[in-house]
Protein backbone atom coordinates (compact mmCIF):
# COMPACT_ATOMS: atom_id res chain seq x y z
CA UNK A 1 -32.76 9.19 50.45
CA UNK A 2 -33.97 12.59 51.67
CA UNK A 3 -35.33 13.16 55.18
CA UNK A 4 -38.84 13.36 53.74
CA UNK A 5 -38.27 10.09 51.88
CA UNK A 6 -37.17 8.41 55.13
CA UNK A 7 -40.25 9.78 56.89
CA UNK A 8 -42.54 8.40 54.21
CA UNK A 9 -40.77 5.03 54.26
CA UNK A 10 -41.04 4.87 58.05
CA UNK A 11 -44.73 5.71 58.05
CA UNK A 12 -45.50 3.22 55.29
CA UNK A 13 -43.48 0.48 57.00
CA UNK A 14 -44.95 1.34 60.39
CA UNK A 15 -48.49 1.09 59.19
CA UNK A 16 -48.18 -1.68 56.62
CA UNK A 17 -50.09 -3.88 59.08
CA UNK A 18 -52.13 -1.10 60.68
CA UNK A 19 -55.84 -1.02 60.15
CA UNK A 20 -57.06 2.11 58.44
CA UNK A 21 -60.68 2.37 59.63
CA UNK A 22 -61.65 5.11 62.10
CA UNK A 23 -62.42 2.59 64.86
CA UNK A 24 -59.16 0.68 64.42
CA UNK A 25 -56.63 1.14 67.21
CA UNK A 26 -53.25 1.18 65.40
CA UNK A 27 -50.06 -0.20 66.96
CA UNK A 28 -49.44 -0.10 70.73
CA UNK A 29 -45.99 0.14 72.27
CA UNK A 30 -45.13 -0.06 76.00
CA UNK A 31 -42.00 1.61 77.36
CA UNK A 32 -40.38 1.65 80.81
CA UNK A 33 -38.87 4.85 82.17
CA UNK A 34 -35.65 5.55 80.24
CA UNK A 35 -36.27 2.86 77.61
CA UNK A 36 -35.87 3.52 73.88
CA UNK A 37 -36.99 1.08 71.19
CA UNK A 38 -37.07 0.85 67.44
CA UNK A 39 -40.59 0.09 66.24
CA UNK A 40 -40.45 -3.38 64.71
CA UNK A 41 -40.13 -3.37 60.92
CA UNK A 42 -39.47 0.39 60.73
CA UNK A 43 -36.73 2.96 61.23
CA UNK A 44 -38.90 4.81 63.76
CA UNK A 45 -37.44 5.10 67.29
CA UNK A 46 -39.42 5.95 70.42
CA UNK A 47 -38.06 6.68 73.87
CA UNK A 48 -39.64 7.42 77.26
CA UNK A 49 -37.54 10.45 78.24
CA UNK A 50 -39.12 11.65 81.50
CA UNK A 51 -42.18 12.23 83.63
CA UNK A 52 -42.81 15.98 83.48
CA UNK A 53 -45.45 15.86 86.20
CA UNK A 54 -47.73 13.36 87.92
CA UNK A 55 -50.70 14.72 89.84
CA UNK A 56 -52.91 11.65 89.37
CA UNK A 57 -55.14 10.84 92.32
CA UNK A 58 -53.55 8.14 94.51
CA UNK A 59 -55.53 4.88 94.60
CA UNK A 60 -55.76 5.04 98.40
CA UNK A 61 -57.21 8.59 98.52
CA UNK A 62 -60.58 10.09 97.56
CA UNK A 63 -60.08 13.02 95.17
CA UNK A 64 -62.33 15.58 93.52
CA UNK A 65 -60.28 15.45 90.32
CA UNK A 66 -58.53 12.45 88.76
CA UNK A 67 -55.36 14.46 88.17
CA UNK A 68 -52.98 14.28 85.22
CA UNK A 69 -49.71 12.66 84.26
CA UNK A 70 -47.55 14.44 81.69
CA UNK A 71 -44.71 12.56 80.03
CA UNK A 72 -42.07 13.41 77.46
CA UNK A 73 -41.48 10.96 74.63
CA UNK A 74 -38.67 11.22 72.10
CA UNK A 75 -39.39 10.24 68.49
CA UNK A 76 -36.84 9.93 65.70
CA UNK A 77 -36.15 8.36 62.33
CA UNK A 78 -33.16 6.04 62.18
CA UNK A 79 -30.13 7.63 63.80
CA UNK A 80 -31.58 11.12 63.30
CA UNK A 81 -32.13 13.58 66.12
CA UNK A 82 -34.88 12.89 68.61
CA UNK A 83 -37.90 15.22 68.62
CA UNK A 84 -39.64 15.70 72.01
CA UNK A 85 -43.39 15.15 72.35
CA UNK A 86 -45.21 16.02 75.58
CA UNK A 87 -48.35 13.99 76.15
CA UNK A 88 -50.95 13.95 78.94
CA UNK A 89 -53.41 11.47 80.40
CA UNK A 90 -56.21 13.95 81.17
CA UNK A 91 -55.26 17.38 79.83
CA UNK A 92 -54.40 18.30 76.24
CA UNK A 93 -52.44 17.34 74.30
CA UNK A 94 -53.14 13.63 74.70
CA UNK A 95 -51.63 12.96 71.28
CA UNK A 96 -49.25 14.59 68.81
CA UNK A 97 -48.46 14.05 65.14
CA UNK A 98 -44.90 13.98 63.82
CA UNK A 99 -43.96 13.13 60.22
CA UNK A 100 -47.39 11.64 59.56
CA UNK A 101 -47.42 9.38 62.64
CA UNK A 102 -49.81 10.21 65.48
CA UNK A 103 -48.59 9.17 68.91
CA UNK A 104 -51.24 9.00 71.64
CA UNK A 105 -50.70 8.36 75.34
CA UNK A 106 -52.98 5.46 76.31
CA UNK A 107 -51.88 4.66 79.84
CA UNK A 108 -49.37 5.56 82.58
CA UNK A 109 -48.56 2.96 85.24
CA UNK A 110 -48.27 2.26 88.10
CA UNK A 111 -51.13 4.04 89.82
CA UNK A 112 -49.77 6.35 92.53
CA UNK A 113 -50.15 5.74 96.28
CA UNK A 114 -50.30 8.57 98.82
CA UNK A 115 -46.85 9.55 100.08
CA UNK A 116 -45.03 6.90 98.00
CA UNK A 117 -42.82 8.35 95.25
CA UNK A 118 -42.55 6.39 92.01
CA UNK A 119 -38.96 6.07 90.73
CA UNK A 120 -38.73 6.99 87.03
CA UNK A 121 -37.51 3.52 86.05
CA UNK A 122 -40.69 2.00 87.60
CA UNK A 123 -43.02 3.99 85.34
CA UNK A 124 -44.47 2.30 82.26
CA UNK A 125 -46.34 4.08 79.49
CA UNK A 126 -48.42 2.66 76.67
CA UNK A 127 -48.48 4.59 73.40
CA UNK A 128 -50.72 4.08 70.36
CA UNK A 129 -49.23 4.82 66.93
CA UNK A 130 -51.51 5.59 64.00
CA UNK A 131 -50.73 6.96 60.55
């Protein structure tokens, strides 16, 4: 099967159970720092590669701006090469489309605390996948 055929098969399998209305949320996936998973029932792989930057306002500080977290996610079909997507919580882009699948960053946890670094493996992101 060609690369395009695999992409189509992955998207169709990914969204076989997805709702198609504009207000429907799609499929949500949570990943810990460094984790890679295969989306259930598909050949689509997602990985949480790194935190590019985290300037979110600490929960124990009063800020004028909420800040932004930027993460890099890897997306691939089967054993194919991973394609990097950079997504943000506040700034653009908050989502990206690759091979017909839109990946949106929903949440980055934990909330930061002033002066307390967050180790990469303690981060958790939630992504929403929509065809």
